[in-house]
Amino acid sequence: MNYEGQITGHRGWVTALACPQQADSYIKVVSTSRDGTTMTWKLNPNRHSVDDIYAVPDHRLEGHSGFVAGISLAHATEYAITASWDRSLRLWSLRTGQCQGKFLKHTKDVLAVAFSPEDRQIVSGGRDNVLRVWNVKGECVHTLEQGAHSDWVSSLCFSPSNSTLVVSGSWDNTVKVWDLADSKCIKTLVGHTNYVTSVTVSPDGSLCASGGKDGVARLWDLNTGDSLFELNVEAHINQVAFSPNRFWLCVAAASSVRVYDLESKAAIIELEPDTENHSDCLCIAWSADGNTLFSGYSDNTIKVWSLSDSE
């Protein structure tokens, strides 16, 4: 992968990244930060080389009074939902940068949030250990307490192929699979030996990947709950992300970003920014076409990578 440059503008760690799914979107990536803001970025029209800033701000979304920890973008519309340590969720218009609603029900910091595939439901989780289900009006319609995690909910996502299936990862070292139709946990995936920081579901909905403090990325069969294999990264994993169009898994661990081919179970790409300042990669996001990878760091920057023509 080629280094394309960086994006700067946040005044705190970059905590989460998301890319629009609309092919015609002029926004390239959306980022959240410990500076309490969310930012939308468009290509820098004056960029001529990798030494120039890759993208410039379109909107700075302000309103949270705590760190912004998570974000999810709607699939068919230009809206985003953010999760914050101020115990709230906020719904935003990416087109205008305006807050469209505030969701209040969590009793502690909110760490993770996700839109359902059809954009009708939102699920969130955090330090109160429960998952809450919302409609887009900001009403909490369910609290998933049957089979709940015993510690913080650190990450969650919907299955792209099933709008009622949610996967969550927790500081209780487990991954749980939930059926929203019955409002209960249907599987608990056990194998991590330390807290789980990230979960993701493959584009076809058949696989789940998880990573955590134990330095291991695990691949699970989502239908059976079986552990298929593990990748020993030997460093604290901050996020895992499937490529949208290749059988690859990207792992952000400490200062490095690795892309694994899941057929060979081998790392085929390792990305380490050429920088004098040591910083950890905290989050990653693929573009919708799978040709660009964004990585966010504890030095407040976002790095941009693109696949070469030979891939």
C-alpha atoms as a PDB file:
ATOM      1  CA  MET A   1       0.000   0.000   0.000  1.00  0.00           C
ATOM      2  CA  ASN A   2       1.204   3.490  -0.783  1.00  0.00           C
ATOM      3  CA  TYR A   3       1.305   6.302   1.745  1.00  0.00           C
ATOM      4  CA  GLU A   4      -0.893   9.108   0.451  1.00  0.00           C
ATOM      5  CA  GLY A   5      -0.428  11.689   3.182  1.00  0.00           C
ATOM      6  CA  GLN A   6      -2.050  12.756   6.410  1.00  0.00           C
ATOM      7  CA  ILE A   7      -4.984  14.729   7.764  1.00  0.00           C
ATOM      8  CA  THR A   8      -4.583  17.135  10.658  1.00  0.00           C
ATOM      9  CA  GLY A   9      -7.018  19.274  12.601  1.00  0.00           C
ATOM     10  CA  HIS A  10      -8.000  17.428  15.769  1.00  0.00           C
ATOM     11  CA  ARG A  11      -6.661  18.655  19.094  1.00  0.00           C
ATOM     12  CA  GLY A  12      -6.794  15.246  20.784  1.00  0.00           C
ATOM     13  CA  TRP A  13      -6.399  11.543  20.015  1.00  0.00           C
ATOM     14  CA  VAL A  14      -8.333  10.318  16.983  1.00  0.00           C
ATOM     15  CA  THR A  15     -10.665   7.734  18.518  1.00  0.00           C
ATOM     16  CA  ALA A  16     -12.845   6.472  15.650  1.00  0.00           C
ATOM     17  CA  LEU A  17     -13.113   6.670  11.863  1.00  0.00           C
ATOM     18  CA  ALA A  18     -15.899   5.922   9.395  1.00  0.00           C
ATOM     19  CA  CYS A  19     -16.227   6.225   5.620  1.00  0.00           C
ATOM     20  CA  PRO A  20     -19.458   7.077   3.751  1.00  0.00           C
ATOM     21  CA  GLN A  21     -21.054   4.262   1.758  1.00  0.00           C
ATOM     22  CA  GLN A  22     -22.543   6.563  -0.894  1.00  0.00           C
ATOM     23  CA  ALA A  23     -20.417   6.435  -4.046  1.00  0.00           C
ATOM     24  CA  ASP A  24     -21.109  10.086  -4.839  1.00  0.00           C
ATOM     25  CA  SER A  25     -20.253  11.417  -1.385  1.00  0.00           C
ATOM     26  CA  TYR A  26     -17.732  14.240  -1.446  1.00  0.00           C
ATOM     27  CA  ILE A  27     -16.888  13.474   2.201  1.00  0.00           C
ATOM     28  CA  LYS A  28     -13.988  11.022   2.288  1.00  0.00           C
ATOM     29  CA  VAL A  29     -13.865  10.170   5.988  1.00  0.00           C
ATOM     30  CA  VAL A  30     -15.445  11.184   9.295  1.00  0.00           C
ATOM     31  CA  SER A  31     -13.394  11.199  12.499  1.00  0.00           C
ATOM     32  CA  THR A  32     -14.029  11.518  16.226  1.00  0.00           C
ATOM     33  CA  SER A  33     -11.599  12.639  18.877  1.00  0.00           C
ATOM     34  CA  ARG A  34     -10.823  13.119  22.522  1.00  0.00           C
ATOM     35  CA  ASP A  35     -11.081  16.844  21.788  1.00  0.00           C
ATOM     36  CA  GLY A  36     -14.874  16.337  22.014  1.00  0.00           C
ATOM     37  CA  THR A  37     -15.536  16.927  18.321  1.00  0.00           C
ATOM     38  CA  THR A  38     -16.392  14.987  15.183  1.00  0.00           C
ATOM     39  CA  MET A  39     -15.016  16.203  11.857  1.00  0.00           C
ATOM     40  CA  THR A  40     -15.974  15.554   8.250  1.00  0.00           C
ATOM     41  CA  TRP A  41     -13.202  15.744   5.669  1.00  0.00           C
ATOM     42  CA  LYS A  42     -13.175  16.458   1.940  1.00  0.00           C
ATOM     43  CA  LEU A  43     -10.232  16.205  -0.445  1.00  0.00           C
ATOM     44  CA  ASN A  44      -7.807  19.113  -0.356  1.00  0.00           C
ATOM     45  CA  PRO A  45      -8.311  20.881  -3.723  1.00  0.00           C
ATOM     46  CA  ASN A  46      -4.795  22.316  -3.510  1.00  0.00           C
ATOM     47  CA  ARG A  47      -3.034  19.020  -2.931  1.00  0.00           C
ATOM     48  CA  HIS A  48      -0.229  18.195  -5.360  1.00  0.00           C
ATOM     49  CA  SER A  49       1.955  15.698  -3.475  1.00  0.00           C
ATOM     50  CA  VAL A  50       2.019  13.456  -0.380  1.00  0.00           C
ATOM     51  CA  ASP A  51       3.644  16.338   1.488  1.00  0.00           C
ATOM     52  CA  ASP A  52       0.426  18.344   1.159  1.00  0.00           C
ATOM     53  CA  ILE A  53      -2.479  17.791   3.565  1.00  0.00           C
ATOM     54  CA  TYR A  54      -4.662  15.016   2.097  1.00  0.00           C
ATOM     55  CA  ALA A  55      -8.028  16.412   3.184  1.00  0.00           C
ATOM     56  CA  VAL A  56      -9.452  19.576   4.723  1.00  0.00           C
ATOM     57  CA  PRO A  57     -12.363  20.013   7.142  1.00  0.00           C
ATOM     58  CA  ASP A  58     -15.872  20.292   5.776  1.00  0.00           C
ATOM     59  CA  HIS A  59     -17.649  20.542   9.144  1.00  0.00           C
ATOM     60  CA  ARG A  60     -16.605  20.368  12.777  1.00  0.00           C
ATOM     61  CA  LEU A  61     -19.489  18.808  14.726  1.00  0.00           C
ATOM     62  CA  GLU A  62     -19.489  20.257  18.226  1.00  0.00           C
ATOM     63  CA  GLY A  63     -21.811  19.666  21.159  1.00  0.00           C
ATOM     64  CA  HIS A  64     -20.539  16.746  23.228  1.00  0.00           C
ATOM     65  CA  SER A  65     -19.075  17.732  26.592  1.00  0.00           C
ATOM     66  CA  GLY A  66     -16.802  14.673  26.832  1.00  0.00           C
ATOM     67  CA  PHE A  67     -14.506  12.579  24.665  1.00  0.00           C
ATOM     68  CA  VAL A  68     -16.224  11.244  21.539  1.00  0.00           C
ATOM     69  CA  ALA A  69     -15.495   7.514  21.536  1.00  0.00           C
ATOM     70  CA  GLY A  70     -17.453   6.018  18.650  1.00  0.00           C
ATOM     71  CA  ILE A  71     -19.281   6.766  15.428  1.00  0.00           C
ATOM     72  CA  SER A  72     -21.520   5.055  12.903  1.00  0.00           C
ATOM     73  CA  LEU A  73     -22.688   6.429   9.564  1.00  0.00           C
ATOM     74  CA  ALA A  74     -26.091   5.757   8.087  1.00  0.00           C
ATOM     75  CA  HIS A  75     -25.912   3.572   4.992  1.00  0.00           C
ATOM     76  CA  ALA A  76     -28.391   5.325   2.699  1.00  0.00           C
ATOM     77  CA  THR A  77     -28.478   8.882   4.038  1.00  0.00           C
ATOM     78  CA  GLU A  78     -25.930  11.477   5.111  1.00  0.00           C
ATOM     79  CA  TYR A  79     -26.371  11.124   8.857  1.00  0.00           C
ATOM     80  CA  ALA A  80     -24.032  10.036  11.619  1.00  0.00           C
ATOM     81  CA  ILE A  81     -24.512   8.936  15.222  1.00  0.00           C
ATOM     82  CA  THR A  82     -21.777   9.542  17.798  1.00  0.00           C
ATOM     83  CA  ALA A  83     -21.133   8.059  21.252  1.00  0.00           C
ATOM     84  CA  SER A  84     -19.504  10.088  24.005  1.00  0.00           C
ATOM     85  CA  TRP A  85     -18.123   9.932  27.504  1.00  0.00           C
ATOM     86  CA  ASP A  86     -20.764  12.557  28.373  1.00  0.00           C
ATOM     87  CA  ARG A  87     -23.216   9.582  28.531  1.00  0.00           C
ATOM     88  CA  SER A  88     -25.090  10.644  25.403  1.00  0.00           C
ATOM     89  CA  LEU A  89     -25.474   9.874  21.736  1.00  0.00           C
ATOM     90  CA  ARG A  90     -25.939  12.605  19.158  1.00  0.00           C
ATOM     91  CA  LEU A  91     -27.440  12.366  15.675  1.00  0.00           C
ATOM     92  CA  TRP A  92     -25.851  14.656  13.076  1.00  0.00           C
ATOM     93  CA  SER A  93     -26.464  15.783   9.530  1.00  0.00           C
ATOM     94  CA  LEU A  94     -23.191  15.402   7.668  1.00  0.00           C
ATOM     95  CA  ARG A  95     -24.431  17.795   4.997  1.00  0.00           C
ATOM     96  CA  THR A  96     -25.013  20.715   7.381  1.00  0.00           C
ATOM     97  CA  GLY A  97     -22.943  19.722  10.406  1.00  0.00           C
ATOM     98  CA  GLN A  98     -25.947  20.331  12.654  1.00  0.00           C
ATOM     99  CA  CYS A  99     -27.051  18.157  15.574  1.00  0.00           C
ATOM    100  CA  GLN A 100     -30.440  16.570  14.854  1.00  0.00           C
ATOM    101  CA  GLY A 101     -31.056  15.015  18.257  1.00  0.00           C
ATOM    102  CA  LYS A 102     -29.597  13.943  21.586  1.00  0.00           C
ATOM    103  CA  PHE A 103     -30.168  10.420  22.935  1.00  0.00           C
ATOM    104  CA  LEU A 104     -30.203  10.116  26.731  1.00  0.00           C
ATOM    105  CA  LYS A 105     -30.581   6.886  28.708  1.00  0.00           C
ATOM    106  CA  HIS A 106     -27.119   5.539  29.452  1.00  0.00           C
ATOM    107  CA  THR A 107     -26.002   6.028  33.034  1.00  0.00           C
ATOM    108  CA  LYS A 108     -22.255   5.982  32.284  1.00  0.00           C
ATOM    109  CA  ASP A 109     -19.876   6.780  29.403  1.00  0.00           C
ATOM    110  CA  VAL A 110     -21.003   5.514  25.984  1.00  0.00           C
ATOM    111  CA  LEU A 111     -18.198   3.776  24.091  1.00  0.00           C
ATOM    112  CA  ALA A 112     -19.774   2.241  20.987  1.00  0.00           C
ATOM    113  CA  VAL A 113     -22.686   2.798  18.610  1.00  0.00           C
ATOM    114  CA  ALA A 114     -23.983   1.358  15.326  1.00  0.00           C
ATOM    115  CA  PHE A 115     -26.730   1.963  12.773  1.00  0.00           C
ATOM    116  CA  SER A 116     -28.674  -1.088  11.598  1.00  0.00           C
ATOM    117  CA  PRO A 117     -28.276  -1.978   7.886  1.00  0.00           C
ATOM    118  CA  GLU A 118     -31.599  -0.372   6.964  1.00  0.00           C
ATOM    119  CA  ASP A 119     -30.903   2.693   9.185  1.00  0.00           C
ATOM    120  CA  ARG A 120     -34.064   2.226  11.269  1.00  0.00           C
ATOM    121  CA  GLN A 121     -32.450   1.183  14.531  1.00  0.00           C
ATOM    122  CA  ILE A 122     -29.409   2.216  16.526  1.00  0.00           C
ATOM    123  CA  VAL A 123     -27.623   0.127  19.169  1.00  0.00           C
ATOM    124  CA  SER A 124     -25.223   1.566  21.739  1.00  0.00           C
ATOM    125  CA  GLY A 125     -23.135   0.282  24.625  1.00  0.00           C
ATOM    126  CA  GLY A 126     -20.718   1.522  27.227  1.00  0.00           C
ATOM    127  CA  ARG A 127     -19.607   1.505  30.821  1.00  0.00           C
ATOM    128  CA  ASP A 128     -23.048   0.678  32.209  1.00  0.00           C
ATOM    129  CA  ASN A 129     -22.526  -2.836  30.722  1.00  0.00           C
ATOM    130  CA  VAL A 130     -25.801  -2.927  28.756  1.00  0.00           C
ATOM    131  CA  LEU A 131     -26.784  -2.549  25.126  1.00  0.00           C
ATOM    132  CA  ARG A 132     -29.576  -0.111  24.362  1.00  0.00           C
ATOM    133  CA  VAL A 133     -31.706  -0.145  21.225  1.00  0.00           C
ATOM    134  CA  TRP A 134     -33.053   3.153  19.867  1.00  0.00           C
ATOM    135  CA  ASN A 135     -35.220   4.397  17.055  1.00  0.00           C
ATOM    136  CA  VAL A 136     -33.990   7.332  14.979  1.00  0.00           C
ATOM    137  CA  LYS A 137     -36.186   9.709  16.990  1.00  0.00           C
ATOM    138  CA  GLY A 138     -33.944   9.130  19.998  1.00  0.00           C
ATOM    139  CA  GLU A 139     -36.340   6.907  21.926  1.00  0.00           C
ATOM    140  CA  CYS A 140     -34.804   3.945  23.767  1.00  0.00           C
ATOM    141  CA  VAL A 141     -37.114   1.088  22.754  1.00  0.00           C
ATOM    142  CA  HIS A 142     -35.223  -1.829  24.371  1.00  0.00           C
ATOM    143  CA  THR A 143     -32.459  -2.504  26.860  1.00  0.00           C
ATOM    144  CA  LEU A 144     -30.716  -5.839  26.265  1.00  0.00           C
ATOM    145  CA  GLU A 145     -30.317  -7.210  29.771  1.00  0.00           C
ATOM    146  CA  GLN A 146     -30.946 -10.950  29.325  1.00  0.00           C
ATOM    147  CA  GLY A 147     -27.465 -12.483  29.145  1.00  0.00           C
ATOM    148  CA  ALA A 148     -25.830  -9.055  29.470  1.00  0.00           C
ATOM    149  CA  HIS A 149     -22.094  -8.433  29.721  1.00  0.00           C
ATOM    150  CA  SER A 150     -20.623  -8.249  33.223  1.00  0.00           C
ATOM    151  CA  ASP A 151     -18.260  -5.405  32.328  1.00  0.00           C
ATOM    152  CA  TRP A 152     -17.961  -2.477  29.914  1.00  0.00           C
ATOM    153  CA  VAL A 153     -19.250  -2.866  26.344  1.00  0.00           C
ATOM    154  CA  SER A 154     -16.306  -1.625  24.287  1.00  0.00           C
ATOM    155  CA  SER A 155     -17.370  -2.366  20.704  1.00  0.00           C
ATOM    156  CA  LEU A 156     -20.423  -3.458  18.733  1.00  0.00           C
ATOM    157  CA  CYS A 157     -21.695  -3.830  15.189  1.00  0.00           C
ATOM    158  CA  PHE A 158     -24.639  -5.123  13.191  1.00  0.00           C
ATOM    159  CA  SER A 159     -24.396  -7.988  10.757  1.00  0.00           C
ATOM    160  CA  PRO A 160     -24.557  -6.441   7.251  1.00  0.00           C
ATOM    161  CA  SER A 161     -26.830  -9.285   6.124  1.00  0.00           C
ATOM    162  CA  ASN A 162     -29.209  -9.459   9.103  1.00  0.00           C
ATOM    163  CA  SER A 163     -30.769  -6.318  10.557  1.00  0.00           C
ATOM    164  CA  THR A 164     -31.643  -8.050  13.858  1.00  0.00           C
ATOM    165  CA  LEU A 165     -28.205  -9.556  14.570  1.00  0.00           C
ATOM    166  CA  VAL A 166     -25.750  -7.560  16.706  1.00  0.00           C
ATOM    167  CA  VAL A 167     -22.266  -8.534  17.915  1.00  0.00           C
ATOM    168  CA  SER A 168     -20.663  -6.922  20.959  1.00  0.00           C
ATOM    169  CA  GLY A 169     -17.254  -7.100  22.635  1.00  0.00           C
ATOM    170  CA  SER A 170     -16.607  -6.408  26.308  1.00  0.00           C
ATOM    171  CA  TRP A 171     -14.091  -5.957  29.070  1.00  0.00           C
ATOM    172  CA  ASP A 172     -15.461  -9.216  30.493  1.00  0.00           C
ATOM    173  CA  ASN A 173     -13.271 -10.959  27.808  1.00  0.00           C
ATOM    174  CA  THR A 174     -16.255 -12.224  25.806  1.00  0.00           C
ATOM    175  CA  VAL A 175     -17.959 -11.587  22.484  1.00  0.00           C
ATOM    176  CA  LYS A 176     -21.742 -11.869  22.475  1.00  0.00           C
ATOM    177  CA  VAL A 177     -24.204 -12.322  19.621  1.00  0.00           C
ATOM    178  CA  TRP A 178     -27.654 -10.792  20.083  1.00  0.00           C
ATOM    179  CA  ASP A 179     -30.986 -11.289  18.345  1.00  0.00           C
ATOM    180  CA  LEU A 180     -32.924  -8.033  18.504  1.00  0.00           C
ATOM    181  CA  ALA A 181     -36.107  -9.813  17.430  1.00  0.00           C
ATOM    182  CA  ASP A 182     -36.111 -11.629  20.787  1.00  0.00           C
ATOM    183  CA  SER A 183     -34.070  -9.005  22.696  1.00  0.00           C
ATOM    184  CA  LYS A 184     -31.665 -11.605  24.057  1.00  0.00           C
ATOM    185  CA  CYS A 185     -28.147 -12.979  23.776  1.00  0.00           C
ATOM    186  CA  ILE A 186     -28.073 -16.104  21.599  1.00  0.00           C
ATOM    187  CA  LYS A 187     -24.332 -16.903  21.733  1.00  0.00           C
ATOM    188  CA  THR A 188     -21.370 -16.077  23.976  1.00  0.00           C
ATOM    189  CA  LEU A 189     -18.018 -16.530  22.254  1.00  0.00           C
ATOM    190  CA  VAL A 190     -15.270 -17.398  24.739  1.00  0.00           C
ATOM    191  CA  GLY A 191     -11.560 -17.490  24.004  1.00  0.00           C
ATOM    192  CA  HIS A 192      -9.953 -14.133  24.713  1.00  0.00           C
ATOM    193  CA  THR A 193      -7.833 -14.011  27.860  1.00  0.00           C
ATOM    194  CA  ASN A 194      -8.121 -10.250  28.357  1.00  0.00           C
ATOM    195  CA  TYR A 195     -10.639  -7.574  27.507  1.00  0.00           C
ATOM    196  CA  VAL A 196     -12.058  -7.308  23.983  1.00  0.00           C
ATOM    197  CA  THR A 197     -11.564  -3.915  22.341  1.00  0.00           C
ATOM    198  CA  SER A 198     -13.023  -4.466  18.868  1.00  0.00           C
ATOM    199  CA  VAL A 199     -15.505  -6.638  16.985  1.00  0.00           C
ATOM    200  CA  THR A 200     -16.500  -6.619  13.332  1.00  0.00           C
ATOM    201  CA  VAL A 201     -18.620  -8.759  10.991  1.00  0.00           C
ATOM    202  CA  SER A 202     -17.596  -9.777   7.479  1.00  0.00           C
ATOM    203  CA  PRO A 203     -19.426  -8.205   4.509  1.00  0.00           C
ATOM    204  CA  ASP A 204     -21.390 -11.409   3.840  1.00  0.00           C
ATOM    205  CA  GLY A 205     -22.396 -11.760   7.501  1.00  0.00           C
ATOM    206  CA  SER A 206     -20.862 -15.222   7.962  1.00  0.00           C
ATOM    207  CA  LEU A 207     -17.796 -14.373  10.043  1.00  0.00           C
ATOM    208  CA  CYS A 208     -16.963 -12.304  13.093  1.00  0.00           C
ATOM    209  CA  ALA A 209     -13.508 -11.029  14.010  1.00  0.00           C
ATOM    210  CA  SER A 210     -12.480  -9.771  17.425  1.00  0.00           C
ATOM    211  CA  GLY A 211      -9.334  -8.356  18.969  1.00  0.00           C
ATOM    212  CA  GLY A 212      -8.238  -7.188  22.365  1.00  0.00           C
ATOM    213  CA  LYS A 213      -5.755  -6.564  25.111  1.00  0.00           C
ATOM    214  CA  ASP A 214      -4.404 -10.129  24.857  1.00  0.00           C
ATOM    215  CA  GLY A 215      -2.844  -9.297  21.475  1.00  0.00           C
ATOM    216  CA  VAL A 216      -4.863 -11.944  19.642  1.00  0.00           C
ATOM    217  CA  ALA A 217      -7.282 -11.453  16.753  1.00  0.00           C
ATOM    218  CA  ARG A 218      -9.831 -14.244  16.585  1.00  0.00           C
ATOM    219  CA  LEU A 219     -12.035 -15.325  13.696  1.00  0.00           C
ATOM    220  CA  TRP A 220     -15.413 -16.871  14.535  1.00  0.00           C
ATOM    221  CA  ASP A 221     -18.128 -18.630  12.574  1.00  0.00           C
ATOM    222  CA  LEU A 222     -21.104 -16.422  13.312  1.00  0.00           C
ATOM    223  CA  ASN A 223     -23.648 -19.153  12.554  1.00  0.00           C
ATOM    224  CA  THR A 224     -22.209 -21.791  14.891  1.00  0.00           C
ATOM    225  CA  GLY A 225     -20.183 -19.670  17.299  1.00  0.00           C
ATOM    226  CA  ASP A 226     -17.105 -21.823  16.658  1.00  0.00           C
ATOM    227  CA  SER A 227     -13.625 -20.318  16.860  1.00  0.00           C
ATOM    228  CA  LEU A 228     -12.017 -20.840  13.447  1.00  0.00           C
ATOM    229  CA  PHE A 229      -8.474 -19.610  14.107  1.00  0.00           C
ATOM    230  CA  GLU A 230      -6.471 -16.886  15.791  1.00  0.00           C
ATOM    231  CA  LEU A 231      -3.781 -14.437  14.721  1.00  0.00           C
ATOM    232  CA  ASN A 232      -1.165 -13.695  17.373  1.00  0.00           C
ATOM    233  CA  VAL A 233      -0.305 -10.027  16.893  1.00  0.00           C
ATOM    234  CA  GLU A 234       1.693  -9.787  20.160  1.00  0.00           C
ATOM    235  CA  ALA A 235       0.533  -6.242  20.864  1.00  0.00           C
ATOM    236  CA  HIS A 236      -2.565  -4.623  22.306  1.00  0.00           C
ATOM    237  CA  ILE A 237      -5.151  -4.585  19.498  1.00  0.00           C
ATOM    238  CA  ASN A 238      -7.205  -1.400  19.219  1.00  0.00           C
ATOM    239  CA  GLN A 239      -9.356  -2.274  16.198  1.00  0.00           C
ATOM    240  CA  VAL A 240     -10.017  -4.969  13.614  1.00  0.00           C
ATOM    241  CA  ALA A 241     -11.725  -4.307  10.272  1.00  0.00           C
ATOM    242  CA  PHE A 242     -12.624  -6.566   7.342  1.00  0.00           C
ATOM    243  CA  SER A 243     -11.843  -5.322   3.867  1.00  0.00           C
ATOM    244  CA  PRO A 244     -15.153  -4.644   2.078  1.00  0.00           C
ATOM    245  CA  ASN A 245     -14.147  -6.549  -1.068  1.00  0.00           C
ATOM    246  CA  ARG A 246     -11.167  -8.797  -0.293  1.00  0.00           C
ATOM    247  CA  PHE A 247     -10.701 -11.699   2.124  1.00  0.00           C
ATOM    248  CA  TRP A 248      -8.486  -9.542   4.316  1.00  0.00           C
ATOM    249  CA  LEU A 249      -8.536  -8.423   7.928  1.00  0.00           C
ATOM    250  CA  CYS A 250      -6.843  -5.190   8.963  1.00  0.00           C
ATOM    251  CA  VAL A 251      -5.519  -5.058  12.538  1.00  0.00           C
ATOM    252  CA  ALA A 252      -4.497  -1.852  14.310  1.00  0.00           C
ATOM    253  CA  ALA A 253      -2.110  -2.784  17.131  1.00  0.00           C
ATOM    254  CA  ALA A 254       0.087  -0.310  18.985  1.00  0.00           C
ATOM    255  CA  SER A 255       2.129   1.671  16.452  1.00  0.00           C
ATOM    256  CA  SER A 256       1.648  -0.701  13.514  1.00  0.00           C
ATOM    257  CA  VAL A 257      -1.177  -1.547  11.144  1.00  0.00           C
ATOM    258  CA  ARG A 258      -1.164  -5.002   9.563  1.00  0.00           C
ATOM    259  CA  VAL A 259      -3.325  -6.462   6.834  1.00  0.00           C
ATOM    260  CA  TYR A 260      -3.760 -10.234   6.996  1.00  0.00           C
ATOM    261  CA  ASP A 261      -4.824 -12.494   4.160  1.00  0.00           C
ATOM    262  CA  LEU A 262      -7.354 -14.782   5.809  1.00  0.00           C
ATOM    263  CA  GLU A 263      -6.763 -17.690   3.431  1.00  0.00           C
ATOM    264  CA  SER A 264      -3.038 -17.896   4.144  1.00  0.00           C
ATOM    265  CA  LYS A 265      -3.429 -16.501   7.702  1.00  0.00           C
ATOM    266  CA  ALA A 266      -0.342 -14.394   7.031  1.00  0.00           C
ATOM    267  CA  ALA A 267       0.371 -10.681   7.264  1.00  0.00           C
ATOM    268  CA  ILE A 268       0.765  -9.364   3.716  1.00  0.00           C
ATOM    269  CA  ILE A 269       1.055  -5.641   4.471  1.00  0.00           C
ATOM    270  CA  GLU A 270       2.529  -3.758   7.424  1.00  0.00           C
ATOM    271  CA  LEU A 271       2.111   0.000   7.626  1.00  0.00           C
ATOM    272  CA  GLU A 272       4.296   2.058   9.924  1.00  0.00           C
ATOM    273  CA  PRO A 273       4.308   5.842   9.479  1.00  0.00           C
ATOM    274  CA  ASP A 274       7.747   7.357   8.998  1.00  0.00           C
ATOM    275  CA  THR A 275       7.591   9.692  11.966  1.00  0.00           C
ATOM    276  CA  GLU A 276       9.929  10.655  14.783  1.00  0.00           C
ATOM    277  CA  ASN A 277       7.073  10.843  17.285  1.00  0.00           C
ATOM    278  CA  HIS A 278       5.927   7.476  18.591  1.00  0.00           C
ATOM    279  CA  SER A 279       2.160   7.234  18.430  1.00  0.00           C
ATOM    280  CA  ASP A 280      -0.308   4.381  18.612  1.00  0.00           C
ATOM    281  CA  CYS A 281      -2.826   3.565  15.906  1.00  0.00           C
ATOM    282  CA  LEU A 282      -6.186   3.679  17.672  1.00  0.00           C
ATOM    283  CA  CYS A 283      -8.649   3.228  14.799  1.00  0.00           C
ATOM    284  CA  ILE A 284      -8.955   2.270  11.129  1.00  0.00           C
ATOM    285  CA  ALA A 285     -11.554   2.473   8.364  1.00  0.00           C
ATOM    286  CA  TRP A 286     -11.710   1.227   4.779  1.00  0.00           C
ATOM    287  CA  SER A 287     -13.262   3.292   2.021  1.00  0.00           C
ATOM    288  CA  ALA A 288     -16.407   1.767   0.505  1.00  0.00           C
ATOM    289  CA  ASP A 289     -14.474   0.507  -2.548  1.00  0.00           C
ATOM    290  CA  GLY A 290     -11.750  -1.058  -0.395  1.00  0.00           C
ATOM    291  CA  ASN A 291      -8.968   0.844  -2.139  1.00  0.00           C
ATOM    292  CA  THR A 292      -8.153   3.364   0.598  1.00  0.00           C
ATOM    293  CA  LEU A 293      -7.382   2.783   4.267  1.00  0.00           C
ATOM    294  CA  PHE A 294      -7.533   5.533   6.901  1.00  0.00           C
ATOM    295  CA  SER A 295      -5.727   5.127  10.248  1.00  0.00           C
ATOM    296  CA  GLY A 296      -6.106   7.399  13.285  1.00  0.00           C
ATOM    297  CA  TYR A 297      -3.381   7.987  15.883  1.00  0.00           C
ATOM    298  CA  SER A 298      -2.683   9.198  19.391  1.00  0.00           C
ATOM    299  CA  ASP A 299      -0.680  12.115  17.939  1.00  0.00           C
ATOM    300  CA  ASN A 300      -4.030  13.573  16.730  1.00  0.00           C
ATOM    301  CA  THR A 301      -3.383  12.771  13.041  1.00  0.00           C
ATOM    302  CA  ILE A 302      -5.006  10.569  10.414  1.00  0.00           C
ATOM    303  CA  LYS A 303      -2.803   8.749   7.895  1.00  0.00           C
ATOM    304  CA  VAL A 304      -4.065   7.747   4.441  1.00  0.00           C
ATOM    305  CA  TRP A 305      -2.972   4.663   2.466  1.00  0.00           C
ATOM    306  CA  SER A 306      -4.001   3.438  -0.979  1.00  0.00           C
ATOM    307  CA  LEU A 307      -3.641   0.097  -2.721  1.00  0.00           C
ATOM    308  CA  SER A 308      -1.171   0.018  -5.580  1.00  0.00           C
ATOM    309  CA  ASP A 309      -2.376  -0.901  -9.048  1.00  0.00           C
ATOM    310  CA  SER A 310      -0.789  -4.336  -8.740  1.00  0.00           C
ATOM    311  CA  GLU A 311      -3.140  -5.421  -5.948  1.00  0.00           C
END
